[in-house]
Amino acid sequence: MQPVLEIYTPDGFDLWPVTEVEPFSFLPLSGNLKPAEVGTALMRIVGCNDIDPEDDRPPRPAEPLDAFLHGLLTFDILYAAGGLRVTQTSTCTEFLPGCCNGLEEWRDWYEVVDGSGYASLGHNPAPSAERLGEMVRLTVDAEQHDSPMIELTVAELRRLLAGAERDLTDFHALAADWLSQHLPDHAVPVTGALARVLDLPPPAVAPHP
């Protein structure tokens, strides 16, 4: 199980270093990314929230970097296209988040083990996870009667979810370091917003001496 970001690199992006990726592929997030991959992930997360202000949000700034970061720093609810990918290597079966599923919703998986026992994880395809006693069935596309499936125990799913949270936490720490080097004037608010979009606890603030 890996937290992944559905990603692409828009032409002409020059606000910070990014790397070329295959359009609409999935970038796994962890603490092992190279600096340009971190920049690419942040570009995509910021881009998912780059929407013109409406209602009570302040107007978009004129400066290009501030304008691009504006949505991430002003939206109450943030979004990042992606989710959790599960790969069963023995059968080469891949369970991917569906369209409109967001990485910020990754904790919905705990509904399968601790709640209703079911989670729908997007559409087109329509992946779903269902608890059946002490087993969990992952259906790659619930709209297909012959869809591939992955079955694992509830205990295995808990272990995988704990690993996914570690990956997200490690990525957040790596991104915070990247931000301090590449966007030092924006590092604190962007690091905080990134914790929100990854549904992680906010960074601890050291007490004043």
N, C-alpha and C. Protein backbone atom coordinates (compact mmCIF):
# COMPACT_ATOMS: atom_id res chain seq x y z
N MET A 1 0.85 -1.19 0.00
CA MET A 1 0.00 0.00 0.00
C MET A 1 0.88 1.24 0.00
N GLN A 2 0.59 2.15 -0.93
CA GLN A 2 1.35 3.39 -1.04
C GLN A 2 0.39 4.57 -1.20
N PRO A 3 0.64 5.68 -0.50
CA PRO A 3 -0.08 6.91 -0.83
C PRO A 3 0.45 7.45 -2.15
N VAL A 4 -0.46 7.75 -3.07
CA VAL A 4 -0.03 8.20 -4.40
C VAL A 4 -0.78 9.47 -4.78
N LEU A 5 -0.12 10.25 -5.62
CA LEU A 5 -0.67 11.49 -6.13
C LEU A 5 -0.82 11.36 -7.63
N GLU A 6 -2.04 11.58 -8.14
CA GLU A 6 -2.23 11.58 -9.59
C GLU A 6 -1.63 12.87 -10.12
N ILE A 7 -0.75 12.76 -11.10
CA ILE A 7 0.13 13.89 -11.36
C ILE A 7 0.36 14.12 -12.84
N TYR A 8 0.66 15.35 -13.16
CA TYR A 8 1.14 15.72 -14.48
C TYR A 8 1.92 17.02 -14.33
N THR A 9 2.79 17.30 -15.29
CA THR A 9 3.57 18.52 -15.26
C THR A 9 3.06 19.45 -16.35
N PRO A 10 2.47 20.59 -16.01
CA PRO A 10 1.99 21.50 -17.05
C PRO A 10 3.15 22.14 -17.79
N ASP A 11 2.94 22.43 -19.05
CA ASP A 11 3.97 23.08 -19.85
C ASP A 11 4.28 24.46 -19.29
N GLY A 12 5.56 24.77 -19.23
CA GLY A 12 5.96 26.12 -18.87
C GLY A 12 5.98 26.41 -17.38
N PHE A 13 5.84 25.42 -16.52
CA PHE A 13 5.88 25.69 -15.09
C PHE A 13 7.31 26.06 -14.69
N ASP A 14 7.49 27.22 -14.07
CA ASP A 14 8.84 27.69 -13.77
C ASP A 14 8.95 28.34 -12.39
N LEU A 15 8.00 28.09 -11.51
CA LEU A 15 8.06 28.72 -10.18
C LEU A 15 9.07 28.03 -9.27
N TRP A 16 9.36 26.74 -9.52
CA TRP A 16 10.40 26.02 -8.80
C TRP A 16 10.74 24.76 -9.60
N PRO A 17 11.84 24.08 -9.28
CA PRO A 17 12.25 22.91 -10.06
C PRO A 17 11.27 21.75 -9.94
N VAL A 18 10.93 21.16 -11.09
CA VAL A 18 10.09 19.97 -11.14
C VAL A 18 10.72 18.99 -12.12
N THR A 19 10.18 17.77 -12.14
CA THR A 19 10.68 16.76 -13.05
C THR A 19 9.58 16.35 -14.02
N GLU A 20 9.96 15.88 -15.18
CA GLU A 20 9.00 15.40 -16.15
C GLU A 20 8.44 14.05 -15.71
N VAL A 21 7.14 13.87 -15.83
CA VAL A 21 6.50 12.62 -15.48
C VAL A 21 5.52 12.25 -16.58
N GLU A 22 5.17 10.97 -16.62
CA GLU A 22 4.16 10.53 -17.57
C GLU A 22 2.81 11.14 -17.20
N PRO A 23 2.09 11.74 -18.17
CA PRO A 23 0.82 12.40 -17.84
C PRO A 23 -0.15 11.47 -17.14
N PHE A 24 -0.76 11.98 -16.07
CA PHE A 24 -1.80 11.29 -15.31
C PHE A 24 -1.32 9.94 -14.77
N SER A 25 -0.04 9.88 -14.44
CA SER A 25 0.49 8.72 -13.73
C SER A 25 0.37 8.98 -12.23
N PHE A 26 0.78 8.01 -11.42
CA PHE A 26 0.70 8.14 -9.98
C PHE A 26 2.10 8.20 -9.38
N LEU A 27 2.35 9.23 -8.60
CA LEU A 27 3.64 9.40 -7.93
C LEU A 27 3.50 8.95 -6.48
N PRO A 28 4.22 7.87 -6.07
CA PRO A 28 4.17 7.44 -4.67
C PRO A 28 4.85 8.49 -3.78
N LEU A 29 4.24 8.79 -2.65
CA LEU A 29 4.79 9.76 -1.72
C LEU A 29 5.46 9.03 -0.56
N SER A 30 6.67 9.45 -0.23
CA SER A 30 7.43 8.87 0.87
C SER A 30 8.57 9.82 1.20
N GLY A 31 9.41 9.41 2.11
CA GLY A 31 10.57 10.22 2.44
C GLY A 31 11.75 9.97 1.54
N ASN A 32 11.56 9.19 0.47
CA ASN A 32 12.67 8.81 -0.41
C ASN A 32 12.68 9.55 -1.74
N LEU A 33 11.82 10.56 -1.89
CA LEU A 33 11.75 11.27 -3.16
C LEU A 33 12.98 12.16 -3.37
N LYS A 34 13.36 12.32 -4.63
CA LYS A 34 14.42 13.26 -4.97
C LYS A 34 13.86 14.69 -4.91
N PRO A 35 14.74 15.68 -4.77
CA PRO A 35 14.26 17.06 -4.64
C PRO A 35 13.31 17.49 -5.76
N ALA A 36 13.61 17.14 -7.01
CA ALA A 36 12.73 17.55 -8.10
C ALA A 36 11.39 16.83 -8.04
N GLU A 37 11.37 15.61 -7.49
CA GLU A 37 10.10 14.89 -7.32
C GLU A 37 9.26 15.53 -6.22
N VAL A 38 9.92 16.00 -5.15
CA VAL A 38 9.19 16.73 -4.11
C VAL A 38 8.57 17.98 -4.71
N GLY A 39 9.35 18.71 -5.52
CA GLY A 39 8.82 19.90 -6.18
C GLY A 39 7.65 19.58 -7.08
N THR A 40 7.72 18.45 -7.77
CA THR A 40 6.62 18.04 -8.65
C THR A 40 5.37 17.72 -7.84
N ALA A 41 5.54 17.00 -6.72
CA ALA A 41 4.40 16.68 -5.87
C ALA A 41 3.75 17.95 -5.32
N LEU A 42 4.56 18.88 -4.86
CA LEU A 42 4.03 20.12 -4.32
C LEU A 42 3.35 20.95 -5.41
N MET A 43 3.93 20.96 -6.60
CA MET A 43 3.29 21.65 -7.72
C MET A 43 1.90 21.11 -7.97
N ARG A 44 1.75 19.80 -7.92
CA ARG A 44 0.45 19.19 -8.19
C ARG A 44 -0.55 19.46 -7.06
N ILE A 45 -0.09 19.35 -5.81
CA ILE A 45 -0.99 19.61 -4.68
C ILE A 45 -1.46 21.05 -4.70
N VAL A 46 -0.54 21.98 -4.92
CA VAL A 46 -0.93 23.39 -5.00
C VAL A 46 -1.87 23.60 -6.19
N GLY A 47 -1.56 22.97 -7.32
CA GLY A 47 -2.38 23.13 -8.52
C GLY A 47 -3.79 22.62 -8.35
N CYS A 48 -3.98 21.57 -7.55
CA CYS A 48 -5.32 21.05 -7.31
C CYS A 48 -6.21 22.07 -6.62
N ASN A 49 -5.61 23.03 -5.94
CA ASN A 49 -6.35 24.04 -5.20
C ASN A 49 -6.22 25.43 -5.81
N ASP A 50 -5.68 25.49 -7.01
CA ASP A 50 -5.46 26.78 -7.69
C ASP A 50 -6.74 27.18 -8.42
N ILE A 51 -7.70 27.69 -7.65
CA ILE A 51 -9.01 28.07 -8.17
C ILE A 51 -9.26 29.52 -7.80
N ASP A 52 -9.84 30.27 -8.73
CA ASP A 52 -10.08 31.69 -8.47
C ASP A 52 -10.95 31.88 -7.23
N PRO A 53 -10.65 32.91 -6.44
CA PRO A 53 -11.40 33.15 -5.19
C PRO A 53 -12.87 33.44 -5.45
N GLU A 54 -13.70 32.96 -4.54
CA GLU A 54 -15.13 33.26 -4.54
C GLU A 54 -15.57 33.51 -3.11
N ASP A 55 -16.79 33.97 -2.95
CA ASP A 55 -17.38 34.19 -1.62
C ASP A 55 -16.50 35.12 -0.79
N ASP A 56 -16.08 34.65 0.40
CA ASP A 56 -15.38 35.52 1.34
C ASP A 56 -13.87 35.38 1.27
N ARG A 57 -13.36 34.62 0.34
CA ARG A 57 -11.90 34.48 0.24
C ARG A 57 -11.28 35.78 -0.28
N PRO A 58 -10.09 36.14 0.22
CA PRO A 58 -9.43 37.35 -0.27
C PRO A 58 -9.06 37.23 -1.74
N PRO A 59 -8.89 38.35 -2.43
CA PRO A 59 -8.56 38.30 -3.86
C PRO A 59 -7.18 37.69 -4.09
N ARG A 60 -7.00 37.15 -5.28
CA ARG A 60 -5.73 36.53 -5.65
C ARG A 60 -4.65 37.62 -5.78
N PRO A 61 -3.48 37.42 -5.17
CA PRO A 61 -2.41 38.41 -5.31
C PRO A 61 -1.90 38.49 -6.75
N ALA A 62 -1.21 39.57 -7.05
CA ALA A 62 -0.70 39.77 -8.41
C ALA A 62 0.61 39.02 -8.65
N GLU A 63 1.43 38.89 -7.61
CA GLU A 63 2.73 38.23 -7.77
C GLU A 63 2.51 36.75 -8.11
N PRO A 64 3.19 36.21 -9.15
CA PRO A 64 2.89 34.85 -9.65
C PRO A 64 2.97 33.76 -8.58
N LEU A 65 4.01 33.75 -7.75
CA LEU A 65 4.13 32.70 -6.74
C LEU A 65 3.02 32.81 -5.71
N ASP A 66 2.78 34.02 -5.21
CA ASP A 66 1.71 34.21 -4.23
C ASP A 66 0.35 33.86 -4.84
N ALA A 67 0.17 34.17 -6.12
CA ALA A 67 -1.10 33.86 -6.78
C ALA A 67 -1.31 32.36 -6.87
N PHE A 68 -0.24 31.61 -7.18
CA PHE A 68 -0.35 30.17 -7.32
C PHE A 68 -0.63 29.50 -5.97
N LEU A 69 -0.02 30.01 -4.91
CA LEU A 69 -0.20 29.42 -3.58
C LEU A 69 -1.50 29.85 -2.91
N HIS A 70 -2.18 30.81 -3.49
CA HIS A 70 -3.31 31.45 -2.82
C HIS A 70 -4.41 30.46 -2.41
N GLY A 71 -4.79 29.58 -3.32
CA GLY A 71 -5.86 28.62 -2.99
C GLY A 71 -5.47 27.70 -1.86
N LEU A 72 -4.24 27.16 -1.91
CA LEU A 72 -3.78 26.25 -0.86
C LEU A 72 -3.82 26.93 0.50
N LEU A 73 -3.54 28.22 0.53
CA LEU A 73 -3.41 28.93 1.80
C LEU A 73 -4.70 29.59 2.26
N THR A 74 -5.76 29.56 1.43
CA THR A 74 -6.99 30.25 1.81
C THR A 74 -8.23 29.35 1.82
N PHE A 75 -8.19 28.20 1.16
CA PHE A 75 -9.33 27.30 1.18
C PHE A 75 -9.49 26.65 2.54
N ASP A 76 -10.74 26.51 3.01
CA ASP A 76 -11.01 25.77 4.23
C ASP A 76 -10.85 24.27 4.02
N ILE A 77 -11.28 23.79 2.86
CA ILE A 77 -11.20 22.37 2.53
C ILE A 77 -10.26 22.21 1.34
N LEU A 78 -9.22 21.42 1.52
CA LEU A 78 -8.20 21.25 0.48
C LEU A 78 -8.36 19.89 -0.20
N TYR A 79 -7.80 19.78 -1.40
CA TYR A 79 -7.96 18.57 -2.22
C TYR A 79 -6.64 18.25 -2.89
N ALA A 80 -6.34 16.95 -2.99
CA ALA A 80 -5.17 16.49 -3.75
C ALA A 80 -5.56 15.20 -4.46
N ALA A 81 -5.58 15.22 -5.78
CA ALA A 81 -6.00 14.06 -6.56
C ALA A 81 -5.11 12.86 -6.26
N GLY A 82 -5.72 11.76 -5.86
CA GLY A 82 -4.95 10.57 -5.55
C GLY A 82 -5.61 9.77 -4.46
N GLY A 83 -4.82 9.04 -3.70
CA GLY A 83 -5.34 8.19 -2.64
C GLY A 83 -4.32 7.13 -2.28
N LEU A 84 -4.81 5.95 -1.94
CA LEU A 84 -3.93 4.83 -1.59
C LEU A 84 -3.99 3.77 -2.68
N ARG A 85 -2.81 3.36 -3.11
CA ARG A 85 -2.69 2.30 -4.13
C ARG A 85 -2.24 1.01 -3.44
N VAL A 86 -2.92 -0.08 -3.79
CA VAL A 86 -2.57 -1.39 -3.24
C VAL A 86 -2.16 -2.29 -4.41
N THR A 87 -1.01 -2.93 -4.28
CA THR A 87 -0.52 -3.82 -5.34
C THR A 87 -0.31 -5.22 -4.76
N GLN A 88 -0.94 -6.20 -5.40
CA GLN A 88 -0.71 -7.59 -5.03
C GLN A 88 0.30 -8.16 -6.01
N THR A 89 1.53 -8.28 -5.58
CA THR A 89 2.61 -8.64 -6.50
C THR A 89 2.46 -10.06 -7.05
N SER A 90 1.86 -10.97 -6.27
CA SER A 90 1.76 -12.36 -6.73
C SER A 90 0.87 -12.50 -7.95
N THR A 91 -0.12 -11.60 -8.09
CA THR A 91 -1.04 -11.67 -9.23
C THR A 91 -0.93 -10.45 -10.15
N CYS A 92 -0.04 -9.51 -9.80
CA CYS A 92 0.12 -8.26 -10.55
C CYS A 92 -1.19 -7.46 -10.60
N THR A 93 -2.01 -7.61 -9.56
CA THR A 93 -3.27 -6.86 -9.47
C THR A 93 -3.01 -5.53 -8.79
N GLU A 94 -3.51 -4.46 -9.41
CA GLU A 94 -3.29 -3.12 -8.88
C GLU A 94 -4.63 -2.47 -8.58
N PHE A 95 -4.78 -2.01 -7.35
CA PHE A 95 -5.99 -1.35 -6.88
C PHE A 95 -5.66 0.13 -6.77
N LEU A 96 -6.29 0.95 -7.64
CA LEU A 96 -5.98 2.37 -7.74
C LEU A 96 -7.14 3.22 -7.27
N PRO A 97 -6.86 4.42 -6.72
CA PRO A 97 -7.95 5.33 -6.39
C PRO A 97 -8.67 5.78 -7.65
N GLY A 98 -9.99 5.93 -7.57
CA GLY A 98 -10.77 6.34 -8.72
C GLY A 98 -10.76 7.84 -8.91
N CYS A 99 -11.36 8.27 -10.00
CA CYS A 99 -11.48 9.70 -10.30
C CYS A 99 -12.24 10.40 -9.17
N CYS A 100 -11.78 11.60 -8.84
CA CYS A 100 -12.39 12.45 -7.80
C CYS A 100 -12.11 11.95 -6.39
N ASN A 101 -11.34 10.88 -6.24
CA ASN A 101 -10.90 10.49 -4.91
C ASN A 101 -9.72 11.38 -4.53
N GLY A 102 -9.65 11.80 -3.29
CA GLY A 102 -8.60 12.70 -2.87
C GLY A 102 -7.70 12.09 -1.82
N LEU A 103 -6.44 12.44 -1.85
CA LEU A 103 -5.49 11.94 -0.87
C LEU A 103 -5.87 12.38 0.53
N GLU A 104 -6.54 13.55 0.62
CA GLU A 104 -6.97 14.04 1.93
C GLU A 104 -8.03 13.15 2.57
N GLU A 105 -8.59 12.21 1.80
CA GLU A 105 -9.62 11.31 2.30
C GLU A 105 -9.06 9.93 2.67
N TRP A 106 -7.74 9.81 2.76
CA TRP A 106 -7.15 8.47 2.91
C TRP A 106 -7.62 7.78 4.20
N ARG A 107 -7.97 8.54 5.23
CA ARG A 107 -8.42 7.91 6.47
C ARG A 107 -9.80 7.27 6.35
N ASP A 108 -10.50 7.50 5.22
CA ASP A 108 -11.76 6.80 4.99
C ASP A 108 -11.57 5.29 4.99
N TRP A 109 -10.34 4.84 4.72
CA TRP A 109 -10.07 3.40 4.76
C TRP A 109 -10.35 2.80 6.13
N TYR A 110 -10.21 3.60 7.20
CA TYR A 110 -10.46 3.07 8.53
C TYR A 110 -11.93 2.77 8.76
N GLU A 111 -12.80 3.31 7.90
CA GLU A 111 -14.22 2.96 7.98
C GLU A 111 -14.41 1.47 7.70
N VAL A 112 -13.51 0.90 6.89
CA VAL A 112 -13.61 -0.52 6.54
C VAL A 112 -13.31 -1.39 7.76
N VAL A 113 -12.32 -1.02 8.55
CA VAL A 113 -11.92 -1.88 9.66
C VAL A 113 -12.58 -1.49 10.98
N ASP A 114 -12.99 -0.23 11.13
CA ASP A 114 -13.52 0.22 12.41
C ASP A 114 -14.93 0.80 12.35
N GLY A 115 -15.50 0.91 11.15
CA GLY A 115 -16.80 1.56 11.02
C GLY A 115 -17.82 0.67 10.35
N SER A 116 -18.38 1.18 9.24
CA SER A 116 -19.46 0.47 8.56
C SER A 116 -18.99 -0.79 7.86
N GLY A 117 -17.68 -0.90 7.62
CA GLY A 117 -17.15 -2.07 6.92
C GLY A 117 -17.10 -1.90 5.42
N TYR A 118 -17.32 -0.66 4.92
CA TYR A 118 -17.33 -0.44 3.48
C TYR A 118 -16.81 0.95 3.17
N ALA A 119 -16.08 1.09 2.07
CA ALA A 119 -15.64 2.39 1.59
C ALA A 119 -15.64 2.39 0.07
N SER A 120 -16.26 3.41 -0.51
CA SER A 120 -16.20 3.65 -1.95
C SER A 120 -15.12 4.68 -2.19
N LEU A 121 -14.24 4.41 -3.16
CA LEU A 121 -13.01 5.20 -3.28
C LEU A 121 -12.87 5.83 -4.66
N GLY A 122 -13.97 6.44 -5.13
CA GLY A 122 -13.94 7.14 -6.41
C GLY A 122 -14.75 6.42 -7.47
N HIS A 123 -14.58 6.86 -8.69
CA HIS A 123 -15.32 6.26 -9.81
C HIS A 123 -14.47 6.33 -11.08
N ASN A 124 -14.91 5.56 -12.06
CA ASN A 124 -14.26 5.54 -13.39
C ASN A 124 -12.75 5.31 -13.31
N PRO A 125 -12.27 4.17 -12.78
CA PRO A 125 -13.04 3.03 -12.27
C PRO A 125 -13.66 3.33 -10.91
N ALA A 126 -14.43 2.35 -10.40
CA ALA A 126 -15.13 2.52 -9.13
C ALA A 126 -14.58 1.52 -8.11
N PRO A 127 -13.41 1.81 -7.53
CA PRO A 127 -12.83 0.88 -6.56
C PRO A 127 -13.60 0.91 -5.25
N SER A 128 -13.66 -0.22 -4.58
CA SER A 128 -14.35 -0.30 -3.30
C SER A 128 -13.63 -1.28 -2.40
N ALA A 129 -13.79 -1.05 -1.08
CA ALA A 129 -13.20 -1.94 -0.07
C ALA A 129 -14.32 -2.36 0.87
N GLU A 130 -14.42 -3.67 1.14
CA GLU A 130 -15.51 -4.20 1.96
C GLU A 130 -14.97 -5.22 2.94
N ARG A 131 -15.39 -5.08 4.19
CA ARG A 131 -15.00 -6.05 5.22
C ARG A 131 -15.97 -7.21 5.23
N LEU A 132 -15.44 -8.42 5.23
CA LEU A 132 -16.24 -9.65 5.29
C LEU A 132 -15.68 -10.49 6.43
N GLY A 133 -16.22 -10.27 7.62
CA GLY A 133 -15.67 -10.95 8.79
C GLY A 133 -14.28 -10.43 9.10
N GLU A 134 -13.31 -11.34 9.13
CA GLU A 134 -11.93 -10.93 9.41
C GLU A 134 -11.12 -10.76 8.12
N MET A 135 -11.83 -10.71 6.97
CA MET A 135 -11.18 -10.48 5.69
C MET A 135 -11.68 -9.17 5.10
N VAL A 136 -10.89 -8.61 4.22
CA VAL A 136 -11.27 -7.41 3.47
C VAL A 136 -11.10 -7.71 1.99
N ARG A 137 -12.13 -7.37 1.22
CA ARG A 137 -12.09 -7.57 -0.23
C ARG A 137 -11.97 -6.21 -0.91
N LEU A 138 -10.93 -6.05 -1.71
CA LEU A 138 -10.73 -4.85 -2.51
C LEU A 138 -11.13 -5.16 -3.94
N THR A 139 -12.15 -4.47 -4.43
CA THR A 139 -12.64 -4.68 -5.80
C THR A 139 -12.12 -3.55 -6.66
N VAL A 140 -11.37 -3.88 -7.69
CA VAL A 140 -10.71 -2.87 -8.53
C VAL A 140 -11.74 -1.96 -9.19
N ASP A 141 -12.85 -2.53 -9.68
CA ASP A 141 -13.91 -1.74 -10.31
C ASP A 141 -15.24 -2.40 -10.00
N ALA A 142 -15.96 -1.84 -9.03
CA ALA A 142 -17.21 -2.44 -8.59
C ALA A 142 -18.28 -2.42 -9.67
N GLU A 143 -18.10 -1.65 -10.74
CA GLU A 143 -19.08 -1.59 -11.81
C GLU A 143 -18.89 -2.70 -12.84
N GLN A 144 -17.85 -3.52 -12.68
CA GLN A 144 -17.61 -4.65 -13.57
C GLN A 144 -17.87 -5.96 -12.80
N HIS A 145 -18.69 -6.83 -13.37
CA HIS A 145 -19.04 -8.06 -12.67
C HIS A 145 -17.86 -9.01 -12.54
N ASP A 146 -16.87 -8.88 -13.44
CA ASP A 146 -15.70 -9.76 -13.40
C ASP A 146 -14.44 -9.00 -12.99
N SER A 147 -14.61 -7.98 -12.18
CA SER A 147 -13.48 -7.15 -11.77
C SER A 147 -12.44 -7.94 -11.00
N PRO A 148 -11.17 -7.66 -11.22
CA PRO A 148 -10.13 -8.25 -10.37
C PRO A 148 -10.34 -7.83 -8.91
N MET A 149 -9.89 -8.68 -7.99
CA MET A 149 -10.03 -8.40 -6.56
C MET A 149 -8.74 -8.74 -5.84
N ILE A 150 -8.56 -8.11 -4.71
CA ILE A 150 -7.49 -8.43 -3.78
C ILE A 150 -8.13 -8.73 -2.43
N GLU A 151 -7.75 -9.83 -1.80
CA GLU A 151 -8.27 -10.15 -0.48
C GLU A 151 -7.12 -10.18 0.52
N LEU A 152 -7.36 -9.62 1.68
CA LEU A 152 -6.37 -9.59 2.75
C LEU A 152 -7.10 -9.57 4.08
N THR A 153 -6.37 -9.86 5.14
CA THR A 153 -7.01 -9.88 6.46
C THR A 153 -7.14 -8.46 6.99
N VAL A 154 -8.04 -8.31 7.96
CA VAL A 154 -8.20 -7.02 8.62
C VAL A 154 -6.88 -6.60 9.27
N ALA A 155 -6.19 -7.55 9.89
CA ALA A 155 -4.92 -7.24 10.53
C ALA A 155 -3.89 -6.76 9.50
N GLU A 156 -3.88 -7.38 8.32
CA GLU A 156 -2.95 -6.93 7.27
C GLU A 156 -3.28 -5.52 6.81
N LEU A 157 -4.57 -5.22 6.69
CA LEU A 157 -4.96 -3.88 6.26
C LEU A 157 -4.55 -2.84 7.30
N ARG A 158 -4.73 -3.14 8.57
CA ARG A 158 -4.28 -2.20 9.61
C ARG A 158 -2.78 -1.94 9.49
N ARG A 159 -2.02 -3.00 9.26
CA ARG A 159 -0.57 -2.85 9.13
C ARG A 159 -0.22 -1.99 7.91
N LEU A 160 -0.92 -2.22 6.81
CA LEU A 160 -0.66 -1.44 5.60
C LEU A 160 -1.03 0.03 5.79
N LEU A 161 -2.12 0.29 6.49
CA LEU A 161 -2.53 1.68 6.72
C LEU A 161 -1.52 2.40 7.62
N ALA A 162 -0.99 1.69 8.59
CA ALA A 162 0.04 2.28 9.44
C ALA A 162 1.28 2.62 8.61
N GLY A 163 1.62 1.75 7.68
CA GLY A 163 2.76 2.02 6.80
C GLY A 163 2.50 3.20 5.89
N ALA A 164 1.27 3.33 5.37
CA ALA A 164 0.92 4.47 4.51
C ALA A 164 1.02 5.77 5.29
N GLU A 165 0.59 5.76 6.56
CA GLU A 165 0.70 6.98 7.36
C GLU A 165 2.16 7.35 7.61
N ARG A 166 3.02 6.36 7.82
CA ARG A 166 4.45 6.65 7.97
C ARG A 166 5.01 7.27 6.69
N ASP A 167 4.60 6.75 5.54
CA ASP A 167 5.07 7.32 4.27
C ASP A 167 4.64 8.77 4.14
N LEU A 168 3.39 9.07 4.49
CA LEU A 168 2.89 10.44 4.40
C LEU A 168 3.63 11.35 5.39
N THR A 169 3.87 10.85 6.58
CA THR A 169 4.58 11.64 7.58
C THR A 169 6.02 11.92 7.11
N ASP A 170 6.67 10.91 6.54
CA ASP A 170 8.03 11.09 6.04
C ASP A 170 8.07 12.06 4.86
N PHE A 171 7.07 11.96 3.99
CA PHE A 171 7.01 12.90 2.87
C PHE A 171 6.80 14.32 3.37
N HIS A 172 5.93 14.49 4.36
CA HIS A 172 5.68 15.81 4.90
C HIS A 172 6.96 16.42 5.48
N ALA A 173 7.73 15.62 6.20
CA ALA A 173 8.99 16.11 6.76
C ALA A 173 9.97 16.49 5.65
N LEU A 174 10.03 15.66 4.60
CA LEU A 174 10.91 15.94 3.47
C LEU A 174 10.47 17.21 2.75
N ALA A 175 9.16 17.36 2.57
CA ALA A 175 8.64 18.55 1.90
C ALA A 175 8.88 19.81 2.72
N ALA A 176 8.77 19.69 4.05
CA ALA A 176 9.04 20.85 4.91
C ALA A 176 10.48 21.32 4.74
N ASP A 177 11.41 20.37 4.66
CA ASP A 177 12.81 20.73 4.45
C ASP A 177 12.99 21.37 3.07
N TRP A 178 12.33 20.78 2.05
CA TRP A 178 12.41 21.34 0.68
C TRP A 178 11.87 22.77 0.68
N LEU A 179 10.76 23.00 1.34
CA LEU A 179 10.16 24.33 1.37
C LEU A 179 11.07 25.34 2.05
N SER A 180 11.74 24.92 3.12
CA SER A 180 12.63 25.84 3.82
C SER A 180 13.80 26.28 2.94
N GLN A 181 14.16 25.43 1.97
CA GLN A 181 15.26 25.76 1.07
C GLN A 181 14.80 26.52 -0.17
N HIS A 182 13.66 26.13 -0.73
CA HIS A 182 13.23 26.69 -2.00
C HIS A 182 12.22 27.82 -1.88
N LEU A 183 11.37 27.78 -0.86
CA LEU A 183 10.36 28.82 -0.66
C LEU A 183 10.40 29.29 0.79
N PRO A 184 11.54 29.82 1.24
CA PRO A 184 11.68 30.13 2.67
C PRO A 184 10.65 31.13 3.19
N ASP A 185 10.23 32.07 2.36
CA ASP A 185 9.26 33.07 2.82
C ASP A 185 7.85 32.51 2.97
N HIS A 186 7.61 31.33 2.39
CA HIS A 186 6.28 30.72 2.44
C HIS A 186 6.29 29.37 3.16
N ALA A 187 7.44 28.97 3.69
CA ALA A 187 7.60 27.61 4.19
C ALA A 187 6.63 27.29 5.32
N VAL A 188 6.46 28.18 6.28
CA VAL A 188 5.63 27.87 7.44
C VAL A 188 4.16 27.68 7.05
N PRO A 189 3.52 28.63 6.34
CA PRO A 189 2.11 28.40 6.01
C PRO A 189 1.90 27.25 5.04
N VAL A 190 2.81 27.05 4.09
CA VAL A 190 2.64 25.95 3.14
C VAL A 190 2.82 24.60 3.84
N THR A 191 3.78 24.52 4.76
CA THR A 191 3.98 23.28 5.52
C THR A 191 2.73 22.94 6.33
N GLY A 192 2.10 23.95 6.93
CA GLY A 192 0.88 23.72 7.67
C GLY A 192 -0.27 23.28 6.78
N ALA A 193 -0.41 23.93 5.61
CA ALA A 193 -1.47 23.55 4.68
C ALA A 193 -1.24 22.14 4.15
N LEU A 194 0.02 21.78 3.95
CA LEU A 194 0.33 20.43 3.46
C LEU A 194 -0.07 19.38 4.49
N ALA A 195 0.12 19.66 5.77
CA ALA A 195 -0.33 18.72 6.80
C ALA A 195 -1.84 18.54 6.73
N ARG A 196 -2.57 19.61 6.44
CA ARG A 196 -4.02 19.51 6.33
C ARG A 196 -4.43 18.66 5.14
N VAL A 197 -3.80 18.87 4.00
CA VAL A 197 -4.22 18.14 2.80
C VAL A 197 -3.82 16.67 2.88
N LEU A 198 -2.79 16.35 3.68
CA LEU A 198 -2.40 14.96 3.89
C LEU A 198 -3.11 14.34 5.09
N ASP A 199 -3.97 15.14 5.75
CA ASP A 199 -4.69 14.71 6.95
C ASP A 199 -3.74 14.15 7.99
N LEU A 200 -2.71 14.97 8.29
CA LEU A 200 -1.75 14.63 9.33
C LEU A 200 -1.87 15.65 10.46
N PRO A 201 -1.43 15.31 11.67
CA PRO A 201 -1.45 16.29 12.75
C PRO A 201 -0.60 17.49 12.37
N PRO A 202 -1.00 18.70 12.78
CA PRO A 202 -0.19 19.88 12.44
C PRO A 202 1.18 19.80 13.07
N PRO A 203 2.19 20.44 12.45
CA PRO A 203 3.54 20.39 13.00
C PRO A 203 3.57 20.97 14.41
N ALA A 204 4.35 20.35 15.27
CA ALA A 204 4.49 20.85 16.63
C ALA A 204 5.25 22.16 16.62
N VAL A 205 4.85 23.08 17.47
CA VAL A 205 5.52 24.36 17.60
C VAL A 205 6.33 24.34 18.89
N ALA A 206 7.63 24.59 18.76
CA ALA A 206 8.49 24.56 19.94
C ALA A 206 8.14 25.73 20.85
N PRO A 207 8.06 25.50 22.16
CA PRO A 207 7.73 26.58 23.09
C PRO A 207 8.86 27.60 23.16
N HIS A 208 8.51 28.85 23.44
CA HIS A 208 9.52 29.89 23.59
C HIS A 208 10.28 29.64 24.88
N PRO A 209 11.58 29.87 24.86
CA PRO A 209 12.37 29.67 26.10
C PRO A 209 11.96 30.68 27.17
